[in-house]
C-alpha atoms as a PDB file:
ATOM      1  CA  MET A   1      90.617 129.524   7.917  1.00  0.00           C
ATOM      2  CA  LEU A   2      89.279 128.347   4.552  1.00  0.00           C
ATOM      3  CA  LEU A   3      90.653 125.116   3.143  1.00  0.00           C
ATOM      4  CA  ASP A   4      90.001 122.210   0.823  1.00  0.00           C
ATOM      5  CA  ASP A   5      91.000 118.814   2.196  1.00  0.00           C
ATOM      6  CA  SER A   6      89.118 116.732  -0.369  1.00  0.00           C
ATOM      7  CA  GLY A   7      92.198 115.817  -2.420  1.00  0.00           C
ATOM      8  CA  LYS A   8      95.622 114.340  -1.844  1.00  0.00           C
ATOM      9  CA  ASP A   9      97.002 117.709  -0.740  1.00  0.00           C
ATOM     10  CA  ILE A  10      95.532 120.332   1.596  1.00  0.00           C
ATOM     11  CA  ARG A  11      94.836 123.667  -0.090  1.00  0.00           C
ATOM     12  CA  LEU A  12      94.587 126.674   2.199  1.00  0.00           C
ATOM     13  CA  PHE A  13      92.502 129.430   0.596  1.00  0.00           C
ATOM     14  CA  GLY A  14      92.471 131.852   3.492  1.00  0.00           C
ATOM     15  CA  LEU A  15      93.985 132.440   6.894  1.00  0.00           C
ATOM     16  CA  ALA A  16      93.178 135.504   8.955  1.00  0.00           C
ATOM     17  CA  VAL A  17      94.360 136.835  12.280  1.00  0.00           C
ATOM     18  CA  ASP A  18      92.823 139.944  13.801  1.00  0.00           C
ATOM     19  CA  PRO A  19      95.294 142.806  13.267  1.00  0.00           C
ATOM     20  CA  ALA A  20      95.259 143.518  17.014  1.00  0.00           C
ATOM     21  CA  ARG A  21      96.429 139.917  17.659  1.00  0.00           C
ATOM     22  CA  ARG A  22      99.171 139.721  15.025  1.00  0.00           C
ATOM     23  CA  ARG A  23     102.774 138.910  15.990  1.00  0.00           C
ATOM     24  CA  GLN A  24     101.524 137.041  19.076  1.00  0.00           C
ATOM     25  CA  GLY A  25     101.790 133.522  17.665  1.00  0.00           C
ATOM     26  CA  PHE A  26      98.173 133.027  16.609  1.00  0.00           C
ATOM     27  CA  GLY A  27      98.992 132.498  12.918  1.00  0.00           C
ATOM     28  CA  ARG A  28     101.737 130.062  13.840  1.00  0.00           C
ATOM     29  CA  SER A  29      99.362 128.186  16.160  1.00  0.00           C
ATOM     30  CA  LEU A  30      96.770 127.925  13.395  1.00  0.00           C
ATOM     31  CA  THR A  31      99.241 126.576  10.841  1.00  0.00           C
ATOM     32  CA  ASP A  32     100.798 124.157  13.362  1.00  0.00           C
ATOM     33  CA  ALA A  33      97.319 122.858  14.229  1.00  0.00           C
ATOM     34  CA  LEU A  34      96.566 122.437  10.535  1.00  0.00           C
ATOM     35  CA  ALA A  35      99.763 120.418  10.014  1.00  0.00           C
ATOM     36  CA  ALA A  36      98.915 118.264  13.048  1.00  0.00           C
ATOM     37  CA  ARG A  37      95.375 117.679  11.758  1.00  0.00           C
ATOM     38  CA  TYR A  38      96.691 116.358   8.424  1.00  0.00           C
ATOM     39  CA  PRO A  39      99.971 114.555   9.187  1.00  0.00           C
ATOM     40  CA  GLY A  40     101.874 113.358   6.141  1.00  0.00           C
ATOM     41  CA  ARG A  41      99.850 115.473   3.707  1.00  0.00           C
ATOM     42  CA  ARG A  42     101.356 118.397   1.832  1.00  0.00           C
ATOM     43  CA  LEU A  43      99.945 121.808   2.716  1.00  0.00           C
ATOM     44  CA  PHE A  44      99.667 124.602   0.157  1.00  0.00           C
ATOM     45  CA  ILE A  45      98.512 128.188   0.390  1.00  0.00           C
ATOM     46  CA  ILE A  46      96.783 129.212  -2.807  1.00  0.00           C
ATOM     47  CA  GLU A  47      98.368 132.172  -4.603  1.00  0.00           C
ATOM     48  CA  ASN A  48      95.435 134.545  -4.131  1.00  0.00           C
ATOM     49  CA  VAL A  49      97.155 137.280  -2.155  1.00  0.00           C
ATOM     50  CA  PRO A  50      99.464 139.978  -3.504  1.00  0.00           C
ATOM     51  CA  GLU A  51     102.990 138.697  -4.015  1.00  0.00           C
ATOM     52  CA  GLY A  52     105.210 139.219  -1.001  1.00  0.00           C
ATOM     53  CA  LEU A  53     102.397 139.837   1.477  1.00  0.00           C
ATOM     54  CA  LEU A  54     102.842 136.526   3.320  1.00  0.00           C
ATOM     55  CA  ASP A  55     106.516 135.848   2.588  1.00  0.00           C
ATOM     56  CA  ARG A  56     107.912 136.990   5.950  1.00  0.00           C
ATOM     57  CA  PHE A  57     105.276 135.147   7.943  1.00  0.00           C
ATOM     58  CA  MET A  58     105.694 131.950   5.933  1.00  0.00           C
ATOM     59  CA  ARG A  59     109.488 131.978   6.361  1.00  0.00           C
ATOM     60  CA  ARG A  60     109.088 132.483  10.125  1.00  0.00           C
ATOM     61  CA  ILE A  61     106.836 129.450  10.463  1.00  0.00           C
ATOM     62  CA  GLY A  62     109.111 127.292   8.304  1.00  0.00           C
ATOM     63  CA  TRP A  63     107.063 127.017   5.117  1.00  0.00           C
ATOM     64  CA  ARG A  64     108.788 127.499   1.777  1.00  0.00           C
ATOM     65  CA  LYS A  65     107.632 129.105  -1.431  1.00  0.00           C
ATOM     66  CA  SER A  66     106.729 126.854  -4.332  1.00  0.00           C
ATOM     67  CA  THR A  67     108.393 127.299  -7.706  1.00  0.00           C
ATOM     68  CA  LEU A  68     104.884 127.800  -9.120  1.00  0.00           C
ATOM     69  CA  THR A  69     103.884 131.401  -8.516  1.00  0.00           C
ATOM     70  CA  GLN A  70     101.059 133.725  -9.396  1.00  0.00           C
ATOM     71  CA  SER A  71     101.273 135.609 -12.691  1.00  0.00           C
ATOM     72  CA  GLU A  72      99.556 138.874 -13.417  1.00  0.00           C
ATOM     73  CA  MET A  73      98.784 139.724 -17.014  1.00  0.00           C
ATOM     74  CA  ALA A  74      96.973 142.527 -18.798  1.00  0.00           C
ATOM     75  CA  ILE A  75      95.667 142.984 -22.304  1.00  0.00           C
ATOM     76  CA  ASP A  76      94.498 146.212 -23.942  1.00  0.00           C
ATOM     77  CA  LEU A  77      90.996 145.581 -25.306  1.00  0.00           C
ATOM     78  CA  THR A  78      90.575 148.943 -27.037  1.00  0.00           C
END
């Protein structure tokens, strides 16, 4: 787990569970422990993963998606 707890809010930059251990509650345990470690502080996962990749997991553990989302843009430099 990679996070920044230096500000008012907690920013989670990375959370990994071994693929062989997924769907066994490890991710949920990690996020519950994080919430318990920082009671009363808002927890955010930074938008650095492809859109939709974490949506199902986050809904299952009771987190909700922010209205601020990642944007992908491209410009032709030729």
